[in-house]
Amino acid sequence: MKKSVTVYALFLPILLMLAFRVPEKHIPDSQQEILLKLNVKPGDRYLFSSLLKQQTTQELMGQQVNTSQDITTDYLYEIQAATDSITTIQVTFNALKMDISTAGIGQITYDSSNPDTSQQAFKALNRIIGQSFFMEIDSTGQVVKVDGLAEI
C-alpha cells in the first residue's frame, strides 16, 4: 500500500500540470513585451486606499527614539474624461486615519470618521476630507499633471 501511495504522490503533480497546461501558442515569448493600458470610461468611480506602515529609529541627544506610524488614506477616483492618450480624474479625499506612537510623546491618533476623539493639533485635517483635486494620467497610468492639490 505504501508503494502505491508514493507513486500516486509522484504522478499527481504531473497529471495536474498536464490537465491545466496552456497550449504553447498561448504562452507569450519571453522576449515579447506586453503593454498594459487603462480601460476606463467617464463616470467610472473607484475607491483607492493607501496604507503606510513605518517604523523608524533615530538618535536624538545620544538616545534612540523609536517611532511607529500607521497612516491610511482613502481617495475616491471619479473619471471625468478619457481619451486614448490622457485620462482626467477627480480625486477626492474620502477618509484619513493616523496612529503615531513616539517615545516621550506617546500615542497620537486622528480618524476623520470620528474627528471629535482626535488630538487638537490634528483637527485641522478635517477640512481636507471631501476636498478634491484633478489628476491627468497617460494610458499607462503615469501622472502627467496635477491641478488644485496645492490649494487644499
Protein backbone atom coordinates (compact mmCIF):
# COMPACT_ATOMS: atom_id res chain seq x y z
CA MET A 1 0.00 0.00 0.00
CA LYS A 2 2.83 2.41 0.81
CA LYS A 3 4.38 1.95 -2.65
CA SER A 4 1.14 2.84 -4.49
CA VAL A 5 0.67 5.98 -2.35
CA THR A 6 4.23 7.08 -3.16
CA VAL A 7 3.72 6.52 -6.89
CA TYR A 8 0.40 8.38 -6.77
CA ALA A 9 2.05 11.30 -4.90
CA LEU A 10 4.81 11.47 -7.52
CA PHE A 11 2.47 11.43 -10.53
CA LEU A 12 -0.25 13.71 -9.16
CA PRO A 13 1.72 16.95 -9.81
CA ILE A 14 2.49 15.78 -13.35
CA LEU A 15 -1.17 14.94 -14.02
CA LEU A 16 -2.25 18.32 -12.67
CA MET A 17 0.30 20.12 -14.86
CA LEU A 18 -0.96 18.28 -17.93
CA ALA A 19 -4.60 18.90 -17.06
CA PHE A 20 -4.08 22.65 -16.64
CA ARG A 21 -1.40 23.11 -19.28
CA VAL A 22 -1.77 26.12 -21.52
CA PRO A 23 -1.08 25.32 -25.18
CA GLU A 24 2.27 26.72 -26.28
CA LYS A 25 0.72 29.06 -28.83
CA HIS A 26 -0.91 30.98 -25.92
CA ILE A 27 2.31 31.42 -23.94
CA PRO A 28 3.94 34.73 -24.81
CA ASP A 29 7.54 34.61 -25.98
CA SER A 30 9.84 35.62 -23.13
CA GLN A 31 11.21 38.40 -25.33
CA GLN A 32 7.77 39.72 -26.28
CA GLU A 33 6.68 42.86 -24.44
CA ILE A 34 3.17 43.19 -23.09
CA LEU A 35 1.83 46.72 -22.69
CA LEU A 36 -0.86 47.18 -20.06
CA LYS A 37 -3.21 50.14 -20.50
CA LEU A 38 -6.07 51.67 -18.59
CA ASN A 39 -9.58 50.94 -19.78
CA VAL A 40 -11.83 53.45 -18.00
CA LYS A 41 -14.86 55.49 -19.04
CA PRO A 42 -16.15 58.90 -17.92
CA GLY A 43 -18.43 58.37 -14.94
CA ASP A 44 -16.49 55.36 -13.59
CA ARG A 45 -15.75 55.62 -9.86
CA TYR A 46 -13.06 53.80 -7.88
CA LEU A 47 -12.12 53.76 -4.22
CA PHE A 48 -8.34 53.86 -3.83
CA SER A 49 -6.90 53.09 -0.42
CA SER A 50 -3.30 53.74 0.60
CA LEU A 51 -1.76 52.25 3.75
CA LEU A 52 1.62 53.39 5.05
CA LYS A 53 3.24 51.45 7.89
CA GLN A 54 6.53 52.87 9.03
CA GLN A 55 8.91 52.04 11.87
CA THR A 56 11.83 54.45 12.38
CA THR A 57 14.65 54.68 14.87
CA GLN A 58 16.52 57.95 15.30
CA GLU A 59 19.24 59.05 17.63
CA LEU A 60 18.37 62.25 19.47
CA MET A 61 20.77 63.74 22.02
CA GLY A 62 22.50 60.38 22.42
CA GLN A 63 19.29 58.36 22.88
CA GLN A 64 17.42 56.19 20.43
CA VAL A 65 13.88 57.31 19.69
CA ASN A 66 11.54 54.76 18.10
CA THR A 67 8.54 55.96 16.11
CA SER A 68 5.73 53.86 14.69
CA GLN A 69 3.28 55.28 12.11
CA ASP A 70 0.19 53.73 10.52
CA ILE A 71 -1.49 56.10 8.06
CA THR A 72 -4.47 55.06 5.94
CA THR A 73 -5.84 57.39 3.27
CA ASP A 74 -8.93 56.64 1.17
CA TYR A 75 -9.48 58.51 -2.08
CA LEU A 76 -12.45 58.47 -4.43
CA TYR A 77 -11.33 58.49 -8.07
CA GLU A 78 -14.01 59.74 -10.49
CA ILE A 79 -13.17 59.56 -14.19
CA GLN A 80 -14.03 62.93 -15.77
CA ALA A 81 -12.70 62.39 -19.30
CA ALA A 82 -10.83 59.60 -21.07
CA THR A 83 -9.15 59.56 -24.46
CA ASP A 84 -6.59 57.18 -25.96
CA SER A 85 -3.78 59.31 -24.54
CA ILE A 86 -5.00 61.23 -21.43
CA THR A 87 -7.46 60.42 -18.63
CA THR A 88 -8.65 63.17 -16.28
CA ILE A 89 -9.55 62.02 -12.77
CA GLN A 90 -11.18 64.00 -9.98
CA VAL A 91 -9.51 62.77 -6.78
CA THR A 92 -11.43 63.36 -3.53
CA PHE A 93 -10.04 62.83 -0.04
CA ASN A 94 -12.57 60.35 1.34
CA ALA A 95 -11.05 59.36 4.70
CA LEU A 96 -7.84 59.66 6.71
CA LYS A 97 -6.70 57.73 9.77
CA MET A 98 -3.36 58.14 11.56
CA ASP A 99 -1.88 56.31 14.52
CA ILE A 100 1.55 57.55 15.57
CA SER A 101 3.48 56.35 18.58
CA THR A 102 6.70 58.07 19.66
CA ALA A 103 8.78 57.62 22.78
CA GLY A 104 8.44 60.66 25.02
CA ILE A 105 5.31 61.93 23.25
CA GLY A 106 3.12 58.85 23.41
CA GLN A 107 0.21 57.89 21.17
CA ILE A 108 -1.21 60.39 18.66
CA THR A 109 -4.42 59.46 16.85
CA TYR A 110 -6.54 61.04 14.14
CA ASP A 111 -9.58 59.46 12.48
CA SER A 112 -11.66 61.51 10.04
CA SER A 113 -14.67 59.26 10.69
CA ASN A 114 -14.55 60.28 14.37
CA PRO A 115 -12.75 63.65 14.49
CA ASP A 116 -14.01 64.56 17.97
CA THR A 117 -11.72 61.94 19.53
CA SER A 118 -8.61 63.26 17.75
CA GLN A 119 -5.94 65.45 19.33
CA GLN A 120 -6.49 69.17 18.82
CA ALA A 121 -3.36 69.57 16.67
CA PHE A 122 -4.77 67.19 14.04
CA LYS A 123 -8.32 68.55 13.88
CA ALA A 124 -7.18 70.87 11.07
CA LEU A 125 -7.06 67.75 8.90
CA ASN A 126 -10.87 67.64 8.99
CA ARG A 127 -11.03 70.33 6.32
CA ILE A 128 -9.33 68.19 3.65
CA ILE A 129 -11.96 65.44 3.84
CA GLY A 130 -14.32 65.92 0.90
CA GLN A 131 -11.86 68.23 -0.91
CA SER A 132 -10.91 67.37 -4.48
CA PHE A 133 -8.11 67.96 -6.95
CA PHE A 134 -7.62 66.85 -10.56
CA MET A 135 -5.03 64.49 -11.94
CA GLU A 136 -4.23 63.71 -15.57
CA ILE A 137 -2.60 60.39 -16.39
CA ASP A 138 -1.46 58.80 -19.63
CA SER A 139 -2.65 55.41 -20.90
CA THR A 140 0.00 53.56 -18.85
CA GLY A 141 -1.01 55.28 -15.60
CA GLN A 142 1.85 57.78 -15.40
CA VAL A 143 0.81 61.08 -13.82
CA VAL A 144 1.30 63.94 -16.30
CA LYS A 145 -0.42 66.80 -14.47
CA VAL A 146 -1.96 67.64 -11.09
CA ASP A 147 -4.23 70.67 -10.57
CA GLY A 148 -5.73 72.01 -7.35
CA LEU A 149 -3.78 69.98 -4.80
CA ALA A 150 -1.70 72.92 -3.57
CA GLU A 151 -4.90 74.88 -2.82
CA ILE A 152 -6.15 72.18 -0.45
